[in-house]
Structures are given as C-alpha cells and as structure tokens.
N, C-alpha and C. Protein backbone atom coordinates (compact mmCIF):
# COMPACT_ATOMS: atom_id res chain seq x y z
N MET A 1 62.98 92.07 0.69
CA MET A 1 63.95 91.10 1.15
C MET A 1 63.27 89.86 1.70
N SER A 2 62.12 90.03 2.37
CA SER A 2 61.49 88.85 2.94
C SER A 2 61.00 87.88 1.88
N SER A 3 60.61 88.38 0.71
CA SER A 3 60.18 87.45 -0.34
C SER A 3 61.36 86.62 -0.85
N VAL A 4 62.56 87.20 -0.85
CA VAL A 4 63.76 86.44 -1.21
C VAL A 4 63.98 85.32 -0.20
N MET A 5 63.81 85.64 1.08
CA MET A 5 63.99 84.63 2.12
C MET A 5 62.94 83.52 2.00
N LEU A 6 61.71 83.90 1.67
CA LEU A 6 60.66 82.89 1.45
C LEU A 6 61.05 81.96 0.30
N MET A 7 61.53 82.54 -0.80
CA MET A 7 61.93 81.72 -1.94
C MET A 7 63.12 80.85 -1.61
N LEU A 8 64.07 81.38 -0.85
CA LEU A 8 65.23 80.60 -0.44
C LEU A 8 64.81 79.41 0.41
N LEU A 9 63.98 79.66 1.41
CA LEU A 9 63.50 78.57 2.26
C LEU A 9 62.73 77.53 1.44
N ALA A 10 61.87 78.00 0.55
CA ALA A 10 61.09 77.08 -0.28
C ALA A 10 62.00 76.24 -1.17
N THR A 11 63.03 76.86 -1.73
CA THR A 11 63.97 76.16 -2.60
C THR A 11 64.74 75.09 -1.83
N VAL A 12 65.21 75.44 -0.65
CA VAL A 12 65.97 74.48 0.16
C VAL A 12 65.10 73.30 0.54
N PHE A 13 63.86 73.56 0.98
CA PHE A 13 62.98 72.45 1.34
C PHE A 13 62.62 71.59 0.14
N ALA A 14 62.42 72.22 -1.03
CA ALA A 14 62.11 71.44 -2.23
C ALA A 14 63.30 70.58 -2.66
N LEU A 15 64.50 71.15 -2.63
CA LEU A 15 65.70 70.37 -2.99
C LEU A 15 65.93 69.22 -2.02
N ALA A 16 65.75 69.49 -0.74
CA ALA A 16 65.94 68.44 0.27
C ALA A 16 64.92 67.32 0.08
N ALA A 17 63.67 67.69 -0.18
CA ALA A 17 62.62 66.68 -0.39
C ALA A 17 62.92 65.85 -1.63
N GLY A 18 63.29 66.52 -2.71
CA GLY A 18 63.60 65.79 -3.95
C GLY A 18 64.75 64.83 -3.76
N ALA A 19 65.79 65.27 -3.07
CA ALA A 19 66.95 64.40 -2.84
C ALA A 19 66.57 63.19 -1.99
N LYS A 20 65.74 63.41 -0.98
CA LYS A 20 65.32 62.30 -0.12
C LYS A 20 64.46 61.30 -0.89
N LEU A 21 63.61 61.80 -1.77
CA LEU A 21 62.76 60.91 -2.54
C LEU A 21 63.56 60.14 -3.60
N ILE A 22 64.53 60.81 -4.20
CA ILE A 22 65.35 60.16 -5.23
C ILE A 22 66.26 59.11 -4.61
N SER A 23 66.87 59.42 -3.47
CA SER A 23 67.76 58.46 -2.81
C SER A 23 67.14 58.01 -1.49
N ARG A 24 65.95 57.46 -1.63
CA ARG A 24 65.19 57.06 -0.45
C ARG A 24 65.91 56.01 0.39
N SER A 25 66.62 55.11 -0.26
CA SER A 25 67.32 54.06 0.49
C SER A 25 68.42 54.65 1.38
N ALA A 26 69.11 55.69 0.89
CA ALA A 26 70.12 56.35 1.72
C ALA A 26 69.47 57.05 2.91
N PHE A 27 68.33 57.67 2.68
CA PHE A 27 67.61 58.34 3.76
C PHE A 27 67.11 57.31 4.77
N GLU A 28 66.64 56.17 4.28
CA GLU A 28 66.18 55.11 5.18
C GLU A 28 67.34 54.58 6.04
N ALA A 29 68.52 54.49 5.46
CA ALA A 29 69.69 54.03 6.22
C ALA A 29 69.99 54.99 7.37
N VAL A 30 69.85 56.28 7.12
CA VAL A 30 70.06 57.27 8.18
C VAL A 30 68.99 57.12 9.25
N LEU A 31 67.75 56.97 8.82
CA LEU A 31 66.65 56.85 9.77
C LEU A 31 66.79 55.62 10.65
N ARG A 32 67.34 54.54 10.10
CA ARG A 32 67.52 53.31 10.89
C ARG A 32 68.37 53.54 12.14
N SER A 33 69.28 54.49 12.06
CA SER A 33 70.14 54.76 13.22
C SER A 33 69.48 55.74 14.20
N LEU A 34 68.31 56.27 13.84
CA LEU A 34 67.68 57.29 14.67
C LEU A 34 66.33 56.91 15.26
N VAL A 35 65.58 56.08 14.54
CA VAL A 35 64.21 55.77 14.97
C VAL A 35 63.98 54.26 14.99
N PRO A 36 62.95 53.81 15.71
CA PRO A 36 62.63 52.38 15.70
C PRO A 36 62.31 51.89 14.29
N ALA A 37 62.63 50.64 14.01
CA ALA A 37 62.49 50.05 12.67
C ALA A 37 61.10 50.24 12.05
N PRO A 38 60.00 50.09 12.80
CA PRO A 38 58.69 50.26 12.16
C PRO A 38 58.42 51.66 11.63
N LEU A 39 59.17 52.65 12.11
CA LEU A 39 58.95 54.03 11.67
C LEU A 39 59.79 54.43 10.46
N VAL A 40 60.78 53.62 10.11
CA VAL A 40 61.71 53.99 9.04
C VAL A 40 61.00 54.21 7.72
N ARG A 41 60.25 53.24 7.23
CA ARG A 41 59.59 53.37 5.92
C ARG A 41 58.59 54.54 5.89
N PRO A 42 57.69 54.62 6.89
CA PRO A 42 56.75 55.74 6.84
C PRO A 42 57.43 57.11 6.90
N LEU A 43 58.45 57.25 7.75
CA LEU A 43 59.14 58.54 7.85
C LEU A 43 59.94 58.87 6.60
N SER A 44 60.45 57.85 5.91
CA SER A 44 61.22 58.10 4.69
C SER A 44 60.34 58.71 3.60
N LEU A 45 59.05 58.56 3.72
CA LEU A 45 58.12 59.18 2.77
C LEU A 45 57.48 60.43 3.37
N LEU A 46 57.13 60.37 4.65
CA LEU A 46 56.44 61.49 5.30
C LEU A 46 57.30 62.75 5.37
N VAL A 47 58.58 62.61 5.74
CA VAL A 47 59.45 63.79 5.88
C VAL A 47 59.57 64.55 4.56
N PRO A 48 59.93 63.88 3.43
CA PRO A 48 60.02 64.66 2.19
C PRO A 48 58.68 65.21 1.72
N LEU A 49 57.59 64.50 1.98
CA LEU A 49 56.28 65.04 1.59
C LEU A 49 55.95 66.29 2.41
N MET A 50 56.30 66.28 3.69
CA MET A 50 56.10 67.48 4.52
C MET A 50 56.96 68.63 4.00
N GLU A 51 58.20 68.31 3.58
CA GLU A 51 59.08 69.35 3.04
C GLU A 51 58.51 69.92 1.74
N LEU A 52 57.97 69.07 0.88
CA LEU A 52 57.35 69.55 -0.37
C LEU A 52 56.14 70.43 -0.07
N PHE A 53 55.30 69.98 0.86
CA PHE A 53 54.14 70.78 1.26
C PHE A 53 54.60 72.14 1.77
N LEU A 54 55.60 72.13 2.64
CA LEU A 54 56.10 73.38 3.21
C LEU A 54 56.68 74.29 2.12
N SER A 55 57.38 73.70 1.17
CA SER A 55 57.93 74.49 0.06
C SER A 55 56.81 75.20 -0.70
N GLY A 56 55.77 74.47 -1.01
CA GLY A 56 54.63 75.08 -1.71
C GLY A 56 53.95 76.16 -0.87
N TRP A 57 53.82 75.89 0.42
CA TRP A 57 53.20 76.86 1.32
C TRP A 57 54.03 78.13 1.37
N LEU A 58 55.33 78.00 1.48
CA LEU A 58 56.21 79.17 1.52
C LEU A 58 56.11 79.98 0.23
N LEU A 59 56.08 79.27 -0.91
CA LEU A 59 55.99 79.98 -2.20
C LEU A 59 54.65 80.66 -2.40
N SER A 60 53.60 80.11 -1.80
CA SER A 60 52.26 80.68 -1.99
C SER A 60 52.14 82.06 -1.35
N GLY A 61 52.94 82.32 -0.31
CA GLY A 61 52.84 83.58 0.39
C GLY A 61 51.66 83.64 1.34
N PHE A 62 50.82 82.61 1.36
CA PHE A 62 49.67 82.55 2.24
C PHE A 62 50.13 82.29 3.67
N ALA A 63 49.73 83.13 4.59
CA ALA A 63 50.10 83.00 5.99
C ALA A 63 51.61 82.79 6.11
N ALA A 64 52.37 83.71 5.52
CA ALA A 64 53.83 83.58 5.45
C ALA A 64 54.47 83.47 6.83
N ARG A 65 53.95 84.18 7.80
CA ARG A 65 54.52 84.09 9.15
C ARG A 65 54.36 82.69 9.72
N ALA A 66 53.18 82.11 9.55
CA ALA A 66 52.94 80.75 10.05
C ALA A 66 53.82 79.75 9.31
N ALA A 67 53.94 79.92 7.99
CA ALA A 67 54.78 79.01 7.19
C ALA A 67 56.23 79.09 7.66
N CYS A 68 56.71 80.30 7.92
CA CYS A 68 58.10 80.45 8.39
C CYS A 68 58.27 79.93 9.81
N GLY A 69 57.24 80.07 10.63
CA GLY A 69 57.30 79.49 11.96
C GLY A 69 57.41 77.97 11.89
N PHE A 70 56.63 77.37 11.01
CA PHE A 70 56.68 75.92 10.82
C PHE A 70 58.03 75.51 10.26
N ALA A 71 58.53 76.27 9.29
CA ALA A 71 59.85 75.98 8.70
C ALA A 71 60.94 76.08 9.77
N GLY A 72 60.88 77.12 10.59
CA GLY A 72 61.86 77.29 11.66
C GLY A 72 61.81 76.14 12.65
N ALA A 73 60.60 75.69 12.98
CA ALA A 73 60.45 74.56 13.91
C ALA A 73 61.02 73.29 13.31
N MET A 74 60.75 73.05 12.03
CA MET A 74 61.32 71.86 11.37
C MET A 74 62.84 71.93 11.33
N LEU A 75 63.37 73.10 11.01
CA LEU A 75 64.82 73.27 10.95
C LEU A 75 65.46 73.08 12.33
N ALA A 76 64.79 73.57 13.37
CA ALA A 76 65.30 73.38 14.73
C ALA A 76 65.30 71.89 15.10
N LEU A 77 64.25 71.18 14.74
CA LEU A 77 64.18 69.74 14.99
C LEU A 77 65.28 69.01 14.22
N PHE A 78 65.45 69.37 12.95
CA PHE A 78 66.52 68.75 12.14
C PHE A 78 67.89 69.04 12.76
N SER A 79 68.07 70.25 13.28
CA SER A 79 69.35 70.61 13.90
C SER A 79 69.60 69.79 15.17
N LEU A 80 68.55 69.57 15.96
CA LEU A 80 68.69 68.72 17.15
C LEU A 80 69.08 67.30 16.75
N LEU A 81 68.48 66.80 15.68
CA LEU A 81 68.83 65.47 15.20
C LEU A 81 70.28 65.43 14.70
N LEU A 82 70.70 66.48 14.01
CA LEU A 82 72.08 66.55 13.54
C LEU A 82 73.06 66.60 14.71
N PHE A 83 72.70 67.35 15.74
CA PHE A 83 73.55 67.42 16.93
C PHE A 83 73.65 66.04 17.59
N HIS A 84 72.52 65.36 17.67
CA HIS A 84 72.49 64.00 18.23
C HIS A 84 73.37 63.07 17.40
N MET A 85 73.29 63.19 16.07
CA MET A 85 74.11 62.36 15.19
C MET A 85 75.59 62.68 15.38
N TRP A 86 75.91 63.97 15.52
CA TRP A 86 77.30 64.38 15.72
C TRP A 86 77.84 63.79 17.01
N ARG A 87 77.06 63.86 18.08
CA ARG A 87 77.50 63.30 19.37
C ARG A 87 77.70 61.80 19.30
N ARG A 88 76.90 61.11 18.50
CA ARG A 88 77.03 59.65 18.36
C ARG A 88 78.02 59.28 17.25
N ARG A 89 78.64 60.30 16.64
CA ARG A 89 79.60 60.12 15.55
C ARG A 89 79.00 59.38 14.35
N LEU A 90 77.74 59.70 14.06
CA LEU A 90 77.07 59.13 12.90
C LEU A 90 77.29 60.06 11.71
N GLY A 91 77.47 59.50 10.54
CA GLY A 91 77.69 60.31 9.35
C GLY A 91 76.41 60.44 8.54
N GLY A 92 76.44 61.31 7.57
CA GLY A 92 75.39 61.49 6.58
C GLY A 92 73.99 61.64 7.11
N CYS A 93 73.44 62.82 7.02
CA CYS A 93 72.08 63.04 7.51
C CYS A 93 71.04 62.66 6.47
N GLY A 94 71.44 62.49 5.23
CA GLY A 94 70.47 62.19 4.17
C GLY A 94 69.68 63.42 3.75
N CYS A 95 70.07 64.59 4.25
CA CYS A 95 69.33 65.83 3.97
C CYS A 95 69.23 66.13 2.48
N PHE A 96 70.32 65.97 1.79
CA PHE A 96 70.36 66.24 0.36
C PHE A 96 70.91 65.04 -0.39
N GLY A 97 70.56 63.85 0.08
CA GLY A 97 70.95 62.62 -0.57
C GLY A 97 72.30 62.08 -0.15
N GLU A 98 72.89 62.64 0.92
CA GLU A 98 74.19 62.16 1.37
C GLU A 98 74.06 60.75 1.92
N GLY A 99 75.11 59.99 1.78
CA GLY A 99 75.16 58.65 2.34
C GLY A 99 75.64 58.69 3.77
N ALA A 100 75.62 57.53 4.42
CA ALA A 100 76.00 57.43 5.82
C ALA A 100 77.50 57.65 6.04
N ASP A 101 78.29 57.66 4.96
CA ASP A 101 79.74 57.83 5.09
C ASP A 101 80.18 59.29 5.03
N THR A 102 79.25 60.22 4.84
CA THR A 102 79.58 61.64 4.73
C THR A 102 79.30 62.33 6.05
N GLN A 103 80.25 63.12 6.53
CA GLN A 103 80.05 63.88 7.76
C GLN A 103 79.33 65.19 7.42
N THR A 104 78.07 65.30 7.82
CA THR A 104 77.28 66.48 7.46
C THR A 104 76.68 67.19 8.66
N ALA A 105 76.96 66.74 9.87
CA ALA A 105 76.29 67.31 11.04
C ALA A 105 76.62 68.79 11.23
N VAL A 106 77.89 69.14 11.31
CA VAL A 106 78.25 70.54 11.60
C VAL A 106 77.85 71.47 10.45
N PRO A 107 78.15 71.14 9.18
CA PRO A 107 77.67 72.03 8.11
C PRO A 107 76.14 72.13 8.09
N GLY A 108 75.46 71.03 8.40
CA GLY A 108 74.01 71.04 8.43
C GLY A 108 73.46 71.93 9.52
N ILE A 109 74.09 71.91 10.69
CA ILE A 109 73.65 72.78 11.78
C ILE A 109 73.88 74.24 11.42
N VAL A 110 75.01 74.54 10.80
CA VAL A 110 75.29 75.92 10.36
C VAL A 110 74.25 76.35 9.33
N ARG A 111 74.02 75.50 8.32
CA ARG A 111 73.03 75.81 7.28
C ARG A 111 71.66 76.04 7.91
N ASN A 112 71.24 75.16 8.80
CA ASN A 112 69.93 75.29 9.42
C ASN A 112 69.82 76.55 10.27
N THR A 113 70.89 76.91 10.96
CA THR A 113 70.88 78.14 11.76
C THR A 113 70.67 79.36 10.86
N LEU A 114 71.36 79.39 9.74
CA LEU A 114 71.18 80.51 8.79
C LEU A 114 69.76 80.54 8.24
N LEU A 115 69.21 79.36 7.96
CA LEU A 115 67.84 79.31 7.43
C LEU A 115 66.82 79.70 8.50
N ILE A 116 67.08 79.34 9.75
CA ILE A 116 66.19 79.77 10.84
C ILE A 116 66.21 81.29 10.96
N LEU A 117 67.39 81.88 10.81
CA LEU A 117 67.48 83.34 10.83
C LEU A 117 66.69 83.96 9.67
N ALA A 118 66.74 83.32 8.50
CA ALA A 118 65.95 83.80 7.36
C ALA A 118 64.46 83.73 7.68
N ALA A 119 64.03 82.64 8.30
CA ALA A 119 62.62 82.49 8.67
C ALA A 119 62.22 83.56 9.68
N LEU A 120 63.09 83.82 10.64
CA LEU A 120 62.80 84.86 11.63
C LEU A 120 62.70 86.24 10.99
N LEU A 121 63.51 86.48 9.97
CA LEU A 121 63.44 87.75 9.25
C LEU A 121 62.06 87.93 8.62
N VAL A 122 61.56 86.86 8.00
CA VAL A 122 60.24 86.93 7.37
C VAL A 122 59.16 87.10 8.43
N ILE A 123 59.30 86.41 9.55
CA ILE A 123 58.29 86.52 10.61
C ILE A 123 58.24 87.96 11.14
N SER A 124 59.39 88.60 11.22
CA SER A 124 59.41 89.97 11.74
C SER A 124 58.95 90.99 10.71
N GLU A 125 58.99 90.65 9.44
CA GLU A 125 58.59 91.57 8.38
C GLU A 125 57.92 90.78 7.26
N PRO A 126 56.59 90.63 7.31
CA PRO A 126 55.91 89.80 6.32
C PRO A 126 56.05 90.36 4.90
N PRO A 127 56.19 89.47 3.92
CA PRO A 127 56.37 89.91 2.53
C PRO A 127 55.08 90.45 1.92
N LEU A 128 55.26 91.26 0.94
CA LEU A 128 54.12 91.79 0.18
C LEU A 128 54.16 91.17 -1.21
N TRP A 129 53.38 90.11 -1.43
CA TRP A 129 53.38 89.44 -2.73
C TRP A 129 52.51 90.19 -3.73
N ALA A 130 51.50 90.90 -3.25
CA ALA A 130 50.58 91.58 -4.16
C ALA A 130 51.29 92.74 -4.86
N ASN A 131 50.88 93.00 -6.08
CA ASN A 131 51.39 94.12 -6.87
C ASN A 131 52.90 94.09 -7.07
N ARG A 132 53.45 92.92 -7.23
CA ARG A 132 54.89 92.80 -7.47
C ARG A 132 55.08 92.62 -8.97
N SER A 133 56.01 93.38 -9.52
CA SER A 133 56.25 93.27 -10.95
C SER A 133 57.03 92.00 -11.26
N PRO A 134 56.83 91.45 -12.46
CA PRO A 134 57.57 90.23 -12.83
C PRO A 134 59.09 90.43 -12.78
N SER A 135 59.57 91.63 -13.09
CA SER A 135 61.02 91.85 -13.06
C SER A 135 61.56 91.78 -11.63
N ILE A 136 60.80 92.25 -10.66
CA ILE A 136 61.22 92.15 -9.25
C ILE A 136 61.25 90.69 -8.82
N ILE A 137 60.22 89.95 -9.18
CA ILE A 137 60.16 88.53 -8.82
C ILE A 137 61.32 87.78 -9.47
N LEU A 138 61.62 88.07 -10.73
CA LEU A 138 62.75 87.44 -11.42
C LEU A 138 64.08 87.79 -10.75
N ALA A 139 64.23 89.04 -10.36
CA ALA A 139 65.46 89.46 -9.66
C ALA A 139 65.61 88.73 -8.34
N GLU A 140 64.51 88.59 -7.60
CA GLU A 140 64.56 87.87 -6.33
C GLU A 140 64.91 86.40 -6.54
N MET A 141 64.33 85.79 -7.59
CA MET A 141 64.64 84.39 -7.89
C MET A 141 66.12 84.24 -8.25
N THR A 142 66.68 85.21 -8.93
CA THR A 142 68.10 85.19 -9.27
C THR A 142 68.96 85.22 -8.02
N VAL A 143 68.56 86.04 -7.05
CA VAL A 143 69.28 86.09 -5.78
C VAL A 143 69.23 84.74 -5.08
N VAL A 144 68.07 84.10 -5.08
CA VAL A 144 67.93 82.79 -4.44
C VAL A 144 68.83 81.76 -5.12
N VAL A 145 68.81 81.72 -6.43
CA VAL A 145 69.67 80.78 -7.16
C VAL A 145 71.13 81.05 -6.84
N GLY A 146 71.50 82.32 -6.79
CA GLY A 146 72.88 82.68 -6.44
C GLY A 146 73.26 82.22 -5.05
N LEU A 147 72.36 82.38 -4.08
CA LEU A 147 72.64 81.94 -2.71
C LEU A 147 72.81 80.42 -2.64
N VAL A 148 71.94 79.69 -3.34
CA VAL A 148 72.06 78.22 -3.37
C VAL A 148 73.38 77.81 -4.01
N CYS A 149 73.74 78.45 -5.12
CA CYS A 149 75.01 78.14 -5.79
C CYS A 149 76.20 78.48 -4.90
N ALA A 150 76.13 79.60 -4.19
CA ALA A 150 77.22 79.97 -3.29
C ALA A 150 77.39 78.94 -2.19
N TRP A 151 76.30 78.41 -1.67
CA TRP A 151 76.38 77.38 -0.64
C TRP A 151 77.06 76.13 -1.20
N VAL A 152 76.64 75.70 -2.39
CA VAL A 152 77.22 74.51 -3.01
C VAL A 152 78.72 74.69 -3.23
N VAL A 153 79.11 75.85 -3.72
CA VAL A 153 80.53 76.13 -3.95
C VAL A 153 81.30 76.15 -2.63
N ALA A 154 80.73 76.76 -1.60
CA ALA A 154 81.41 76.81 -0.30
C ALA A 154 81.62 75.41 0.26
N VAL A 155 80.62 74.56 0.16
CA VAL A 155 80.75 73.18 0.63
C VAL A 155 81.81 72.44 -0.18
N ALA A 156 81.82 72.63 -1.50
CA ALA A 156 82.81 71.97 -2.36
C ALA A 156 84.23 72.43 -2.04
N VAL A 157 84.40 73.73 -1.80
CA VAL A 157 85.73 74.26 -1.48
C VAL A 157 86.23 73.69 -0.16
N VAL A 158 85.38 73.66 0.85
CA VAL A 158 85.78 73.11 2.16
C VAL A 158 86.11 71.64 2.02
N THR A 159 85.28 70.90 1.29
CA THR A 159 85.53 69.47 1.09
C THR A 159 86.84 69.25 0.35
N ARG A 160 87.08 70.03 -0.68
CA ARG A 160 88.32 69.91 -1.46
C ARG A 160 89.53 70.27 -0.60
N TRP A 161 89.41 71.32 0.20
CA TRP A 161 90.50 71.73 1.07
C TRP A 161 90.85 70.62 2.05
N LYS A 162 89.84 69.98 2.63
CA LYS A 162 90.08 68.88 3.56
C LYS A 162 90.77 67.72 2.85
N PHE A 163 90.36 67.44 1.60
CA PHE A 163 90.94 66.35 0.83
C PHE A 163 92.40 66.64 0.51
N VAL A 164 92.68 67.85 0.02
CA VAL A 164 94.03 68.23 -0.37
C VAL A 164 94.96 68.25 0.84
N ASN A 165 94.50 68.74 1.96
CA ASN A 165 95.33 68.83 3.15
C ASN A 165 95.32 67.55 3.98
N GLY A 166 94.61 66.54 3.52
CA GLY A 166 94.62 65.26 4.21
C GLY A 166 93.88 65.25 5.52
N SER A 167 92.98 66.23 5.72
CA SER A 167 92.21 66.26 6.95
C SER A 167 91.17 65.16 6.94
N ASP A 168 90.97 64.55 8.09
CA ASP A 168 89.95 63.53 8.22
C ASP A 168 88.63 64.22 8.51
N ALA A 169 87.61 63.99 7.67
CA ALA A 169 86.32 64.66 7.84
C ALA A 169 85.64 64.28 9.13
N SER A 170 86.00 63.16 9.74
CA SER A 170 85.32 62.75 10.96
C SER A 170 85.92 63.36 12.21
N SER A 171 87.00 64.10 12.09
CA SER A 171 87.63 64.67 13.30
C SER A 171 86.97 65.97 13.70
C-alpha cells in the first residue's frame, strides 16, 4: 500500500508542477498577491522545479521516509498559504493551473490533508521496491490513476452542483 501512496504523491506533485510551468503567468498572478514583487519570477520557476524534483525522488523509492517527510512539509506549507488566501478572500491558488477567479482554498486544504495522511502512512511503513513484479507495479499504477480520476470527477461534480443550484463559489 505504501508504494501506491508514493506513486500517488509523485503523480500529484508532477501534475502540479506541469500545470504551473504550462500556465506560469497564472501562477505568477497568484504569487503577486502573496510575496514581494522581486520574488514572483524566481518562485514561479523554483516551486514547480522543486515539485518535479520531489516527484522523481518519491518515484525512486530512495530514502522514501525522508521524501515523504519533505512532501508532507511542502503540503503543510501550501495548506497554510491556502488558508491565508481563504482568509483574505483570494481566489485561485495556481496549484493545477487555476486562475485567480477560481475558489480553490478549501478543496486544496482538503486535498493536501489527504495527501499528508498518505505521506504519514509511508513514513510509518516504508515501501519495499525491491523484488516487485511488473504486474504488481502495474496494478498499483492503476490504483493511482483511478484515485486521480476520482478526485477530478469529485471536483467536477461539486463544481457542477454549485453551478446548477446557483451557489456562489466565493461564499
């Protein structure tokens, strides 16, 4: 189970990094509301590069406990920033390419909390990457893809429900 959690964490960090790099201007817009202007450009590149590095580290299985500790710390920091954004009524964290007009603080905090729990699971029970059959690895990857798809569907359903019922996402 811990190898599934490692793959899930690695996938989330890789997707987040890719989205930030692809829509760097949206991520920079978010950063402008959080950090001093001279830090915006460097952080818009440094954060996704750190996420890519972490993704690779998690997938490597090398020092998995340390990698999960680092991932948990990053997720906790991101959650604090999301909480700060929520209190200031700022939209769009830029985590997965969202713009400043999207309310993502609460779903982001929930997502990060679940991912921190996944990291803690790995820390408490380190994975055994050695002597794993390809079919087991493929099955675990299928579970990870399914979890990512389930998250996307859950977010889409909640967003659609709010739209259909006329709920204001900022409330």
